Amino acid sequence: MRPARTPSLPAPSADGPPRSGSGLRSAARPLPRLLPRLLSCALAAVLAAGALSPAPASAAVGATVSYETVVSHDGTELKAKVITPTGVEGPHPLLVMPSAWGTPHLLYVGAAARLAHESGYQVVAYTSRGFWDSGGGIGVAGPEDRADASAVIDWALENTDADPDRIGMAGISYGGGISLLTAAEDERIRAVASLSGWADLAASLYPNETVDAQSAELLLLAGELTGTPGEELSEIGAEYRRGNIQPALDVAPDRSAATRVDAINANGTAVMMAHAWNDGVFPVGHITDFYEELEVPKRLMLAPGDHATQELFGAAGLPDEVWEALGDWFDHHLRGRANEVDAEGPVHVRPNNGRGAWTSHADWPSVTGGTERYYLAEPSTDWLRWQSSGAMESEPATGWSYRFRTGIGTTAESGTVMVSGALQQFFDVPTGVLLPTVDRYRAAVWTGPARPEGVRVAGTPEVTFTVTPTAPDQSVYVYLYAVDGRGTGSLLSHAPYTLRGAEPGEPVTVDTELAPVVWDVPAGHRLAVVVDSMDARYQDESDIGDRVSVTSPEDAPAQVTVPLA
């Protein structure tokens, strides 16, 4: 990766008075306007700080910033910041950047200024439909949103000196998802970068048929505070709050690049994806699956962080490894430059703890060098012998049954969306547990042998166990920890799993993947597995007073497979 560059740009011009019929919506807002305006001012100040560093005397390329209105395919007015390079002859490679969920076009001004000023890109960063100063209703990356992106490309080709043969798209979160989806439909897009985006919406918001309640509520609240939900989103939100997730699942395939991977491959669009291990909104597991389906030039970066926390400061124009890699990506595919994209393996990972260095790999499976399989013996209710009771063994242990209560949580938790991953990223503070305090009457707990030399867990852990529910719908949660000699554990990975329409009393074998991870387990620590019935991140289908039994039948021994570097 190239060293961080010093941003430099003449001060962006202040937004002029709104054009006729294109000002900020006010009376149409159903919610108070004060909070969005205050947030807008604060965000503008942060972004301006990143964009207004003095230019070096030798700089030959400058940039201008203007506030424009793009009339989309259906007459909807989209507000945009247009950053145009100066001092360099066109035509310029074009980058179109849709805003993230709940944010305006100001989100990208710092990064866009660097791309224009240092590399001569024509950048159009626009506020996605329904948010802030753009018209229309929030469409959740639907057909209108993708048509908006193509309309912005059309506008740029007509109104700037953009090169029609060198077009890219990039965005964070919602902007990244729209970029991927548009790349499947608009063959003019030669390269795309999705940062903290999604590929499979159903897998993100409904993992293993479990509602990710924290993410759903966060997205709905942000949409209501900063935009105008469209008719479809309003219906989805209303049904969700009635306990009906089906309308969201019905629209998910159309909003998922995973269902359009053949079109992306056919178009030959070069795809870069950057994601955080602890992304609480769009879990990383489906990103690695999608990446492996791509047959185009591609790049994957996985590092500590939560949703969009890796890229936020880089979007403001501050030095950032992901945005530096993004610049290399577009330089290579839109400007034909030979750089690190040629020399390095396309998969780049940093361990989720310990602030370790990046490593490069030929593909995602190459991150894993081998696996260890532990068979899960019968758990125990003995809290004091936590290091030995409920062992993880090298040979199958079958025929046992362990019953625990549901509906009351334990100290094993997956953390809080947008908080836990950020603590891991910035302060190396993991989501933790004191293993001896996990209530054995409400959970099953297993511990493995101590690792005298430590080990790097690298890849996707898998678990198999059989549960016997006492209700048609029941949730269980699986956690993988690294635990020190005092029983203090750090969460490496987890997975929710909800039985839907099960027959009470009939065993069901759970065979699932946990979230991918790279984690350096220190010397002397041991791995531990916990299964319980509640987690604050999710909408639990476990009632107080119910029971669930965990068993290990001979034809499906309970086990955990741990990937190692």
Protein backbone atom coordinates (compact mmCIF):
# COMPACT_ATOMS: atom_id res chain seq x y z
CA MET A 1 0.00 0.00 0.00
CA ARG A 2 1.29 3.40 -0.85
CA PRO A 3 2.15 5.85 1.93
CA ALA A 4 -0.43 8.32 3.07
CA ARG A 5 -0.62 11.42 0.94
CA THR A 6 -1.03 14.93 2.21
CA PRO A 7 -4.34 16.36 1.07
CA SER A 8 -4.33 19.81 -0.45
CA LEU A 9 -7.09 21.80 -2.04
CA PRO A 10 -8.32 25.35 -2.28
CA ALA A 11 -11.16 25.87 0.14
CA PRO A 12 -14.45 24.42 -1.18
CA SER A 13 -16.93 27.11 -2.04
CA ALA A 14 -19.84 27.41 0.31
CA ASP A 15 -23.14 26.12 -0.96
CA GLY A 16 -24.89 28.85 -2.85
CA PRO A 17 -28.55 29.68 -2.37
CA PRO A 18 -30.83 26.79 -3.31
CA ARG A 19 -31.91 26.74 -6.90
CA SER A 20 -35.56 27.13 -7.77
CA GLY A 21 -37.41 24.05 -6.58
CA SER A 22 -34.25 22.39 -5.30
CA GLY A 23 -33.67 23.71 -1.80
CA LEU A 24 -33.51 21.67 1.39
CA ARG A 25 -36.86 20.12 2.21
CA SER A 26 -38.42 21.56 5.31
CA ALA A 27 -42.20 21.54 5.50
CA ALA A 28 -42.28 18.05 4.02
CA ARG A 29 -40.22 16.67 6.89
CA PRO A 30 -42.39 14.66 9.28
CA LEU A 31 -39.82 14.90 12.08
CA PRO A 32 -38.11 17.87 13.77
CA ARG A 33 -35.54 19.62 11.63
CA LEU A 34 -33.17 20.83 14.31
CA LEU A 35 -31.21 17.60 14.82
CA PRO A 36 -30.47 16.98 11.10
CA ARG A 37 -29.31 20.58 10.65
CA LEU A 38 -27.02 20.42 13.66
CA LEU A 39 -25.59 17.11 12.48
CA SER A 40 -25.09 18.54 9.00
CA CYS A 41 -23.12 21.50 10.36
CA ALA A 42 -20.96 19.26 12.54
CA LEU A 43 -20.26 16.87 9.68
CA ALA A 44 -19.40 19.72 7.33
CA ALA A 45 -16.89 21.09 9.83
CA VAL A 46 -15.17 17.71 10.22
CA LEU A 47 -14.98 17.14 6.48
CA ALA A 48 -13.72 20.63 5.77
CA ALA A 49 -10.92 20.12 8.27
CA GLY A 50 -9.72 17.11 6.28
CA ALA A 51 -9.96 18.86 2.93
CA LEU A 52 -8.40 22.24 3.58
CA SER A 53 -4.74 21.46 4.20
CA PRO A 54 -2.36 23.90 2.48
CA ALA A 55 -1.21 22.81 -0.98
CA PRO A 56 2.49 22.19 -1.57
CA ALA A 57 4.14 24.73 -3.83
CA SER A 58 4.93 22.05 -6.41
CA ALA A 59 1.31 20.96 -6.83
CA ALA A 60 0.28 21.31 -10.46
CA VAL A 61 -3.26 20.00 -10.13
CA GLY A 62 -5.98 21.78 -8.20
CA ALA A 63 -9.71 21.30 -7.84
CA THR A 64 -12.93 23.24 -7.60
CA VAL A 65 -16.04 22.25 -5.67
CA SER A 66 -19.57 23.16 -6.71
CA TYR A 67 -23.04 22.35 -5.40
CA GLU A 68 -25.23 20.99 -8.17
CA THR A 69 -28.69 19.59 -8.81
CA VAL A 70 -28.95 16.41 -10.86
CA VAL A 71 -32.41 15.68 -12.23
CA SER A 72 -32.83 11.93 -12.18
CA HIS A 73 -34.71 9.59 -14.51
CA ASP A 74 -38.12 10.33 -12.95
CA GLY A 75 -37.61 14.05 -12.30
CA THR A 76 -36.37 13.61 -8.72
CA GLU A 77 -33.75 16.19 -7.82
CA LEU A 78 -30.54 14.79 -6.35
CA LYS A 79 -28.12 17.16 -4.67
CA ALA A 80 -24.45 16.67 -5.36
CA LYS A 81 -21.00 18.01 -4.64
CA VAL A 82 -19.06 18.08 -7.91
CA ILE A 83 -15.29 18.13 -7.48
CA THR A 84 -13.51 19.04 -10.72
CA PRO A 85 -9.73 18.90 -11.21
CA THR A 86 -7.99 21.98 -12.53
CA GLY A 87 -4.56 22.40 -14.07
CA VAL A 88 -4.75 19.08 -15.93
CA GLU A 89 -6.20 18.40 -19.33
CA GLY A 90 -9.27 16.21 -19.69
CA PRO A 91 -11.08 14.10 -20.26
CA HIS A 92 -10.91 12.96 -16.64
CA PRO A 93 -11.72 9.52 -15.24
CA LEU A 94 -15.09 9.75 -13.49
CA LEU A 95 -15.93 8.56 -9.98
CA VAL A 96 -19.58 8.59 -8.85
CA MET A 97 -20.12 8.25 -5.09
CA PRO A 98 -23.61 7.70 -3.59
CA SER A 99 -23.90 8.74 0.05
CA ALA A 100 -24.17 6.27 2.91
CA TRP A 101 -27.44 5.62 4.74
CA GLY A 102 -28.45 8.68 6.73
CA THR A 103 -25.63 10.90 5.41
CA PRO A 104 -25.44 13.69 2.80
CA HIS A 105 -22.95 14.14 -0.05
CA LEU A 106 -20.67 15.99 2.38
CA LEU A 107 -19.55 12.58 3.64
CA TYR A 108 -17.06 12.19 0.79
CA VAL A 109 -15.89 15.75 0.18
CA GLY A 110 -12.48 15.24 1.81
CA ALA A 111 -11.68 11.98 0.03
CA ALA A 112 -13.09 13.26 -3.24
CA ALA A 113 -10.94 16.38 -3.00
CA ARG A 114 -7.82 14.25 -2.66
CA LEU A 115 -8.81 12.07 -5.61
CA ALA A 116 -9.47 15.11 -7.79
CA HIS A 117 -6.55 17.22 -6.61
CA GLU A 118 -3.88 14.53 -6.56
CA SER A 119 -4.94 12.20 -9.36
CA GLY A 120 -7.17 14.24 -11.64
CA TYR A 121 -10.45 12.42 -11.05
CA GLN A 122 -13.77 14.06 -11.85
CA VAL A 123 -15.84 13.20 -8.78
CA VAL A 124 -19.59 13.52 -8.28
CA ALA A 125 -20.65 12.76 -4.70
CA TYR A 126 -24.41 12.86 -4.35
CA THR A 127 -26.99 12.50 -1.59
CA SER A 128 -28.92 9.28 -2.12
CA ARG A 129 -32.62 9.55 -2.90
CA GLY A 130 -34.82 10.44 0.07
CA PHE A 131 -32.05 11.63 2.39
CA TRP A 132 -31.21 15.16 3.53
CA ASP A 133 -31.30 17.60 0.61
CA SER A 134 -32.24 15.14 -2.17
CA GLY A 135 -35.82 14.59 -3.23
CA GLY A 136 -37.89 11.44 -3.41
CA GLY A 137 -38.33 8.72 -0.81
CA ILE A 138 -35.77 6.30 0.59
CA GLY A 139 -35.90 3.24 -1.62
CA VAL A 140 -33.44 0.82 0.07
CA ALA A 141 -31.19 0.45 -3.01
CA GLY A 142 -34.17 -0.43 -5.18
CA PRO A 143 -34.56 0.05 -8.94
CA GLU A 144 -34.99 3.81 -8.59
CA ASP A 145 -31.75 4.14 -6.62
CA ARG A 146 -29.79 2.23 -9.25
CA ALA A 147 -31.38 4.32 -11.99
CA ASP A 148 -30.35 7.41 -10.00
CA ALA A 149 -26.71 6.31 -10.13
CA SER A 150 -26.87 5.84 -13.89
CA ALA A 151 -28.57 9.23 -14.24
CA VAL A 152 -25.73 10.85 -12.27
CA ILE A 153 -23.27 9.25 -14.71
CA ASP A 154 -25.31 10.65 -17.61
CA TRP A 155 -25.29 14.11 -16.02
CA ALA A 156 -21.53 14.02 -15.45
CA LEU A 157 -20.85 13.00 -19.04
CA GLU A 158 -23.01 15.88 -20.28
CA ASN A 159 -21.89 18.59 -17.84
CA THR A 160 -18.25 17.84 -17.02
CA ASP A 161 -15.16 16.78 -18.92
CA ALA A 162 -15.57 13.17 -17.77
CA ASP A 163 -14.27 10.30 -19.85
CA PRO A 164 -17.08 7.89 -20.87
CA ASP A 165 -14.59 5.04 -21.13
CA ARG A 166 -13.19 5.44 -17.60
CA ILE A 167 -16.04 5.34 -15.08
CA GLY A 168 -15.95 4.04 -11.52
CA MET A 169 -18.27 4.00 -8.51
CA ALA A 170 -17.48 3.89 -4.82
CA GLY A 171 -19.26 4.31 -1.52
CA ILE A 172 -19.51 3.45 2.15
CA SER A 173 -22.29 1.19 3.46
CA TYR A 174 -25.47 2.13 1.53
CA GLY A 175 -23.32 3.83 -1.11
CA GLY A 176 -21.22 0.70 -1.47
CA GLY A 177 -24.28 -1.50 -1.88
CA ILE A 178 -25.74 0.81 -4.54
CA SER A 179 -22.39 0.86 -6.32
CA LEU A 180 -22.25 -2.95 -6.55
CA LEU A 181 -25.85 -3.22 -7.71
CA THR A 182 -25.44 -0.50 -10.32
CA ALA A 183 -22.29 -2.18 -11.63
CA ALA A 184 -24.41 -5.24 -12.38
CA GLU A 185 -26.84 -3.14 -14.46
CA ASP A 186 -24.72 -0.41 -16.05
CA GLU A 187 -21.94 -1.86 -18.19
CA ARG A 188 -20.24 1.55 -18.46
CA ILE A 189 -18.84 1.09 -14.93
CA ARG A 190 -15.35 -0.38 -15.23
CA ALA A 191 -14.39 -0.49 -11.54
CA VAL A 192 -16.21 -0.29 -8.21
CA ALA A 193 -15.23 -0.08 -4.53
CA SER A 194 -17.67 -1.10 -1.80
CA LEU A 195 -16.60 -0.13 1.74
CA SER A 196 -18.63 -1.72 4.56
CA GLY A 197 -21.34 -2.55 2.04
CA TRP A 198 -23.42 -5.67 1.68
CA ALA A 199 -23.82 -8.40 -0.91
CA ASP A 200 -26.75 -10.40 0.52
CA LEU A 201 -29.32 -8.31 2.37
CA ALA A 202 -31.25 -11.26 3.82
CA ALA A 203 -28.08 -12.90 5.17
CA SER A 204 -27.14 -9.57 6.76
CA LEU A 205 -30.39 -8.69 8.52
CA TYR A 206 -31.76 -12.21 9.05
CA PRO A 207 -28.78 -14.48 9.75
CA ASN A 208 -29.81 -18.11 10.24
CA GLU A 209 -33.45 -16.94 10.41
CA THR A 210 -32.69 -14.66 13.37
CA VAL A 211 -33.73 -11.01 13.28
CA ASP A 212 -30.81 -8.65 13.88
CA ALA A 213 -32.90 -6.27 15.95
CA GLN A 214 -30.19 -3.73 16.81
CA SER A 215 -29.24 -3.23 13.16
CA ALA A 216 -32.86 -3.07 11.99
CA GLU A 217 -33.81 -0.48 14.60
CA LEU A 218 -30.68 1.57 13.93
CA LEU A 219 -31.33 1.68 10.18
CA LEU A 220 -35.02 2.51 10.56
CA LEU A 221 -34.33 5.26 13.11
CA ALA A 222 -31.58 6.83 10.99
CA GLY A 223 -33.86 6.80 7.95
CA GLU A 224 -36.68 8.50 9.85
CA LEU A 225 -34.38 11.16 11.37
CA THR A 226 -32.44 12.09 8.25
CA GLY A 227 -34.77 11.38 5.35
CA THR A 228 -38.20 10.61 4.03
CA PRO A 229 -38.92 6.87 3.89
CA GLY A 230 -40.51 5.79 0.63
CA GLU A 231 -43.76 3.88 0.54
CA GLU A 232 -42.04 0.50 0.38
CA LEU A 233 -39.68 1.22 3.28
CA SER A 234 -42.57 2.58 5.37
CA GLU A 235 -44.49 -0.63 4.83
CA ILE A 236 -41.46 -2.79 5.61
CA GLY A 237 -40.82 -0.84 8.83
CA ALA A 238 -44.46 -1.04 9.93
CA GLU A 239 -44.62 -4.79 9.30
CA TYR A 240 -41.30 -5.36 11.07
CA ARG A 241 -42.60 -3.65 14.18
CA ARG A 242 -45.66 -5.91 14.02
CA GLY A 243 -43.29 -8.88 14.12
CA ASN A 244 -43.48 -9.65 10.39
CA ILE A 245 -40.06 -9.77 8.72
CA GLN A 246 -41.35 -11.28 5.46
CA PRO A 247 -41.82 -8.02 3.50
CA ALA A 248 -38.13 -7.23 4.06
CA LEU A 249 -37.15 -10.71 2.90
CA ASP A 250 -39.36 -10.39 -0.19
CA VAL A 251 -37.42 -7.36 -1.49
CA ALA A 252 -33.98 -8.58 -0.38
CA PRO A 253 -33.03 -10.58 -3.53
CA ASP A 254 -33.52 -7.53 -5.77
CA ARG A 255 -31.33 -5.51 -3.40
CA SER A 256 -28.53 -8.10 -3.20
CA ALA A 257 -25.49 -8.15 -5.47
CA ALA A 258 -25.12 -11.83 -4.59
CA THR A 259 -28.10 -12.53 -6.86
CA ARG A 260 -26.43 -10.56 -9.68
CA VAL A 261 -22.90 -11.89 -9.53
CA ASP A 262 -23.29 -13.37 -13.03
CA ALA A 263 -24.05 -9.91 -14.43
CA ILE A 264 -21.04 -8.38 -12.68
CA ASN A 265 -18.85 -11.17 -14.02
CA ALA A 266 -20.27 -10.71 -17.52
CA ASN A 267 -19.60 -6.97 -17.41
CA GLY A 268 -16.04 -7.58 -16.23
CA THR A 269 -16.29 -4.87 -13.59
CA ALA A 270 -13.27 -4.82 -11.27
CA VAL A 271 -14.52 -5.09 -7.67
CA MET A 272 -12.78 -3.96 -4.49
CA MET A 273 -14.40 -4.68 -1.11
CA ALA A 274 -13.24 -3.53 2.33
CA HIS A 275 -14.96 -4.75 5.47
CA ALA A 276 -14.54 -4.94 9.24
CA TRP A 277 -14.40 -8.20 11.18
CA ASN A 278 -16.94 -6.91 13.71
CA ASP A 279 -19.34 -5.17 11.31
CA GLY A 280 -22.58 -5.31 13.28
CA VAL A 281 -24.86 -4.21 10.44
CA PHE A 282 -23.55 -6.32 7.56
CA PRO A 283 -21.68 -9.31 9.08
CA VAL A 284 -18.51 -10.26 7.27
CA GLY A 285 -19.40 -13.89 6.50
CA HIS A 286 -21.54 -13.19 3.45
CA ILE A 287 -18.87 -10.83 2.07
CA THR A 288 -16.27 -13.59 1.85
CA ASP A 289 -18.84 -15.89 0.22
CA PHE A 290 -19.68 -13.26 -2.41
CA TYR A 291 -16.04 -12.45 -3.03
CA GLU A 292 -15.31 -16.08 -3.92
CA GLU A 293 -18.12 -16.03 -6.52
CA LEU A 294 -16.56 -13.11 -8.41
CA GLU A 295 -14.60 -13.99 -11.55
CA VAL A 296 -13.41 -10.45 -12.29
CA PRO A 297 -10.33 -8.54 -11.07
CA LYS A 298 -11.02 -8.27 -7.36
CA ARG A 299 -9.57 -7.21 -4.03
CA LEU A 300 -10.70 -7.92 -0.46
CA MET A 301 -9.54 -6.10 2.70
CA LEU A 302 -10.58 -7.29 6.17
CA ALA A 303 -9.46 -5.50 9.33
CA PRO A 304 -10.60 -4.67 12.88
CA GLY A 305 -13.56 -2.35 13.22
CA ASP A 306 -17.33 -2.07 13.17
CA HIS A 307 -19.71 -0.82 10.53
CA ALA A 308 -18.01 1.96 8.52
CA THR A 309 -15.56 2.76 11.35
CA GLN A 310 -12.57 1.84 9.17
CA GLU A 311 -13.39 4.29 6.39
CA LEU A 312 -15.02 7.26 8.12
CA PHE A 313 -11.89 9.33 8.75
CA GLY A 314 -10.54 8.57 5.29
CA ALA A 315 -13.80 9.86 3.80
CA ALA A 316 -13.02 13.16 5.50
CA GLY A 317 -9.71 13.29 3.63
CA LEU A 318 -7.49 12.11 6.48
CA PRO A 319 -4.78 9.48 5.90
CA ASP A 320 -6.36 6.05 5.78
CA GLU A 321 -5.14 2.67 4.54
CA VAL A 322 -8.45 1.65 2.99
CA TRP A 323 -8.81 4.89 1.02
CA GLU A 324 -5.18 4.69 -0.08
CA ALA A 325 -5.90 1.20 -1.40
CA LEU A 326 -9.05 2.54 -3.08
CA GLY A 327 -6.95 5.17 -4.84
CA ASP A 328 -4.56 2.48 -6.05
CA TRP A 329 -7.51 0.39 -7.24
CA PHE A 330 -8.97 3.11 -9.42
CA ASP A 331 -5.55 4.30 -10.59
CA HIS A 332 -4.88 0.78 -11.81
CA HIS A 333 -8.23 0.07 -13.46
CA LEU A 334 -9.21 3.54 -14.72
CA ARG A 335 -5.83 5.16 -15.35
CA GLY A 336 -3.81 2.08 -16.31
CA ARG A 337 -1.15 2.61 -13.66
CA ALA A 338 1.10 -0.23 -12.56
CA ASN A 339 1.08 -0.25 -8.75
CA GLU A 340 0.58 -2.46 -5.70
CA VAL A 341 -2.56 -3.92 -7.24
CA ASP A 342 -0.29 -5.84 -9.61
CA ALA A 343 2.30 -6.86 -7.04
CA GLU A 344 0.22 -7.97 -4.07
CA GLY A 345 -2.11 -10.88 -3.47
CA PRO A 346 -5.72 -9.68 -3.76
CA VAL A 347 -6.85 -10.73 -0.25
CA HIS A 348 -5.47 -8.59 2.59
CA VAL A 349 -6.22 -9.31 6.26
CA ARG A 350 -5.18 -7.85 9.59
CA PRO A 351 -5.78 -9.79 12.81
CA ASN A 352 -8.70 -8.56 14.85
CA ASN A 353 -6.54 -8.18 17.96
CA GLY A 354 -3.02 -7.13 18.85
CA ARG A 355 -2.62 -4.55 16.05
CA GLY A 356 -0.79 -7.06 13.86
CA ALA A 357 0.45 -6.37 10.32
CA TRP A 358 -1.42 -6.93 7.08
CA THR A 359 -0.85 -10.24 5.29
CA SER A 360 -1.62 -10.91 1.62
CA HIS A 361 -3.13 -14.08 0.17
CA ALA A 362 -4.04 -15.42 -3.24
CA ASP A 363 -7.69 -15.97 -2.28
CA TRP A 364 -9.93 -16.24 0.77
CA PRO A 365 -9.42 -20.01 1.36
CA SER A 366 -5.65 -19.40 1.42
CA VAL A 367 -6.05 -17.41 4.65
CA THR A 368 -6.59 -20.77 6.36
CA GLY A 369 -3.59 -23.08 6.44
CA GLY A 370 -5.26 -25.98 8.26
CA THR A 371 -7.96 -26.87 10.77
CA GLU A 372 -8.32 -28.45 14.19
CA ARG A 373 -11.45 -30.33 15.14
CA TYR A 374 -12.60 -30.52 18.73
CA TYR A 375 -15.39 -32.87 19.79
CA LEU A 376 -17.64 -31.55 22.53
CA ALA A 377 -18.07 -33.76 25.58
CA GLU A 378 -20.97 -33.52 28.02
CA PRO A 379 -21.06 -30.10 29.72
CA SER A 380 -21.25 -29.74 33.48
CA THR A 381 -23.04 -27.45 35.89
CA ASP A 382 -19.89 -27.22 38.00
CA TRP A 383 -18.80 -23.56 37.77
CA LEU A 384 -15.63 -24.06 39.82
CA ARG A 385 -14.06 -26.63 37.46
CA TRP A 386 -14.54 -24.46 34.37
CA GLN A 387 -11.12 -25.39 32.92
CA SER A 388 -11.92 -29.11 32.74
CA SER A 389 -15.70 -29.57 32.83
CA GLY A 390 -17.27 -29.75 29.41
CA ALA A 391 -14.12 -30.67 27.56
CA MET A 392 -13.19 -30.12 23.92
CA GLU A 393 -11.62 -33.45 22.98
CA SER A 394 -9.85 -35.06 20.02
CA GLU A 395 -12.23 -38.04 19.80
CA PRO A 396 -16.04 -38.06 19.42
CA ALA A 397 -18.02 -37.99 22.66
CA THR A 398 -21.57 -39.14 21.93
CA GLY A 399 -24.70 -40.28 23.71
CA TRP A 400 -24.93 -37.46 26.23
CA SER A 401 -27.74 -34.91 26.70
CA TYR A 402 -27.55 -31.56 28.50
CA ARG A 403 -30.64 -29.46 29.20
CA PHE A 404 -30.67 -25.75 30.03
CA ARG A 405 -33.27 -23.05 30.59
CA THR A 406 -34.14 -20.43 27.97
CA GLY A 407 -35.46 -16.89 28.08
CA ILE A 408 -32.86 -15.43 30.48
CA GLY A 409 -29.49 -14.26 29.19
CA THR A 410 -26.03 -15.08 30.45
CA THR A 411 -22.82 -13.09 30.55
CA ALA A 412 -21.98 -14.44 27.08
CA GLU A 413 -22.97 -11.71 24.58
CA SER A 414 -21.97 -10.65 21.07
CA GLY A 415 -21.69 -6.96 21.95
CA THR A 416 -23.36 -3.78 20.72
CA VAL A 417 -23.63 -2.67 17.09
CA MET A 418 -21.32 0.26 16.20
CA VAL A 419 -19.73 0.18 19.67
CA SER A 420 -18.07 -3.18 20.31
CA GLY A 421 -16.21 -3.31 17.01
CA ALA A 422 -15.03 0.28 17.38
CA LEU A 423 -13.62 -0.50 20.83
CA GLN A 424 -11.76 -3.45 19.33
CA GLN A 425 -10.43 -1.34 16.45
CA PHE A 426 -9.29 1.76 18.29
CA PHE A 427 -8.42 0.48 21.76
CA ASP A 428 -7.91 -3.28 21.27
CA VAL A 429 -10.68 -3.87 23.82
CA PRO A 430 -12.57 -7.04 22.87
CA THR A 431 -16.10 -8.08 23.67
CA GLY A 432 -15.37 -10.11 26.77
CA VAL A 433 -16.72 -12.64 29.21
CA LEU A 434 -15.65 -14.01 32.57
CA LEU A 435 -16.22 -17.64 31.74
CA PRO A 436 -16.77 -18.91 35.30
CA THR A 437 -19.74 -16.52 35.61
CA VAL A 438 -21.66 -17.99 32.66
CA ASP A 439 -24.74 -19.60 34.24
CA ARG A 440 -24.45 -23.34 33.53
CA TYR A 441 -28.19 -23.78 34.12
CA ARG A 442 -28.85 -21.39 31.21
CA ALA A 443 -25.98 -22.32 28.90
CA ALA A 444 -23.72 -25.13 27.77
CA VAL A 445 -19.99 -24.41 28.16
CA TRP A 446 -16.93 -26.23 26.84
CA THR A 447 -13.22 -25.44 27.27
CA GLY A 448 -10.25 -26.75 25.34
CA PRO A 449 -6.66 -27.39 26.35
CA ALA A 450 -4.25 -24.53 26.97
CA ARG A 451 -2.09 -23.54 23.99
CA PRO A 452 1.49 -23.30 25.33
CA GLU A 453 2.78 -21.49 22.23
CA GLY A 454 -0.37 -19.67 21.18
CA VAL A 455 -2.00 -19.98 17.78
CA ARG A 456 -3.54 -17.82 15.04
CA VAL A 457 -7.18 -18.60 14.30
CA ALA A 458 -7.68 -17.64 10.64
CA GLY A 459 -10.78 -18.32 8.60
CA THR A 460 -14.34 -19.45 9.26
CA PRO A 461 -15.05 -21.58 12.37
CA GLU A 462 -17.82 -24.17 12.07
CA VAL A 463 -19.97 -25.85 14.71
CA THR A 464 -22.22 -28.90 14.76
CA PHE A 465 -24.51 -29.90 17.61
CA THR A 466 -28.03 -31.24 17.99
CA VAL A 467 -30.75 -29.41 19.90
CA THR A 468 -34.15 -30.65 21.05
CA PRO A 469 -36.56 -27.70 21.40
CA THR A 470 -39.59 -27.45 23.67
CA ALA A 471 -41.29 -24.84 21.46
CA PRO A 472 -41.77 -24.47 17.67
CA ASP A 473 -39.57 -21.35 17.54
CA GLN A 474 -36.42 -21.22 19.65
CA SER A 475 -33.13 -19.32 19.36
CA VAL A 476 -29.66 -20.45 20.33
CA TYR A 477 -26.40 -18.50 20.14
CA VAL A 478 -22.92 -19.93 19.71
CA TYR A 479 -19.80 -18.07 20.91
CA LEU A 480 -16.12 -18.90 20.41
CA TYR A 481 -13.78 -17.37 22.98
CA ALA A 482 -10.06 -17.26 23.72
CA VAL A 483 -9.74 -17.52 27.52
CA ASP A 484 -6.80 -16.80 29.80
CA GLY A 485 -5.83 -18.66 32.97
CA ARG A 486 -8.22 -16.61 35.13
CA GLY A 487 -11.20 -17.33 32.91
CA THR A 488 -11.33 -13.93 31.20
CA GLY A 489 -12.39 -14.53 27.62
CA SER A 490 -12.25 -12.49 24.41
CA LEU A 491 -14.94 -13.10 21.79
CA LEU A 492 -13.40 -14.36 18.56
CA SER A 493 -16.59 -15.15 16.67
CA HIS A 494 -20.25 -15.99 17.11
CA ALA A 495 -23.40 -17.00 15.25
CA PRO A 496 -27.14 -16.82 15.97
CA TYR A 497 -29.42 -19.71 15.01
CA THR A 498 -33.21 -19.80 15.26
CA LEU A 499 -35.39 -22.86 14.79
CA ARG A 500 -38.59 -21.94 12.94
CA GLY A 501 -41.59 -24.24 12.91
CA ALA A 502 -39.75 -27.05 14.70
CA GLU A 503 -41.53 -29.99 16.26
CA PRO A 504 -41.17 -29.78 20.06
CA GLY A 505 -39.34 -32.81 21.36
CA GLU A 506 -37.82 -33.67 17.97
CA PRO A 507 -34.02 -33.29 17.68
CA VAL A 508 -32.63 -30.85 15.10
CA THR A 509 -28.98 -30.90 14.05
CA VAL A 510 -27.47 -27.41 13.86
CA ASP A 511 -24.57 -27.23 11.40
CA THR A 512 -23.48 -23.64 10.85
CA GLU A 513 -20.57 -21.34 10.23
CA LEU A 514 -19.51 -18.67 12.70
CA ALA A 515 -18.29 -15.28 11.50
CA PRO A 516 -14.87 -15.34 9.78
CA VAL A 517 -11.99 -14.00 11.83
CA VAL A 518 -8.23 -13.71 12.12
CA TRP A 519 -7.23 -13.69 15.80
CA ASP A 520 -3.92 -14.26 17.56
CA VAL A 521 -4.56 -16.46 20.61
CA PRO A 522 -1.77 -15.70 23.15
CA ALA A 523 0.42 -18.40 24.62
CA GLY A 524 -1.19 -20.19 27.56
CA HIS A 525 -4.76 -19.28 26.53
CA ARG A 526 -7.38 -21.83 25.57
CA LEU A 527 -10.42 -21.84 23.31
CA ALA A 528 -13.92 -22.09 24.75
CA VAL A 529 -17.40 -22.55 23.27
CA VAL A 530 -20.65 -21.32 24.83
CA VAL A 531 -24.21 -22.03 23.65
CA ASP A 532 -27.09 -20.12 25.27
CA SER A 533 -30.55 -18.83 24.32
CA MET A 534 -30.45 -15.02 24.43
CA ASP A 535 -28.37 -12.17 23.01
CA ALA A 536 -29.23 -8.48 23.25
CA ARG A 537 -28.27 -7.88 19.61
CA TYR A 538 -30.98 -10.14 18.28
CA GLN A 539 -34.71 -10.70 18.52
CA ASP A 540 -34.88 -13.86 20.61
CA GLU A 541 -37.44 -16.61 20.10
CA SER A 542 -36.84 -18.07 23.56
CA ASP A 543 -39.42 -17.74 26.32
CA ILE A 544 -38.82 -17.84 30.05
CA GLY A 545 -39.74 -21.25 31.39
CA ASP A 546 -38.87 -23.15 28.21
CA ARG A 547 -36.00 -25.59 27.94
CA VAL A 548 -33.64 -26.74 25.21
CA SER A 549 -31.48 -29.85 25.21
CA VAL A 550 -28.08 -30.09 23.54
CA THR A 551 -27.08 -33.60 22.49
CA SER A 552 -24.32 -35.40 20.59
CA PRO A 553 -25.75 -38.36 18.63
CA GLU A 554 -23.46 -40.92 17.05
CA ASP A 555 -24.39 -39.91 13.50
CA ALA A 556 -23.68 -36.21 14.17
CA PRO A 557 -21.19 -35.78 17.04
CA ALA A 558 -21.12 -32.31 18.60
CA GLN A 559 -17.99 -30.57 17.40
CA VAL A 560 -16.28 -27.30 16.53
CA THR A 561 -13.83 -26.92 13.64
CA VAL A 562 -11.27 -24.16 14.19
CA PRO A 563 -9.37 -22.77 11.16
CA LEU A 564 -5.70 -22.01 11.75
CA ALA A 565 -3.17 -19.96 9.80
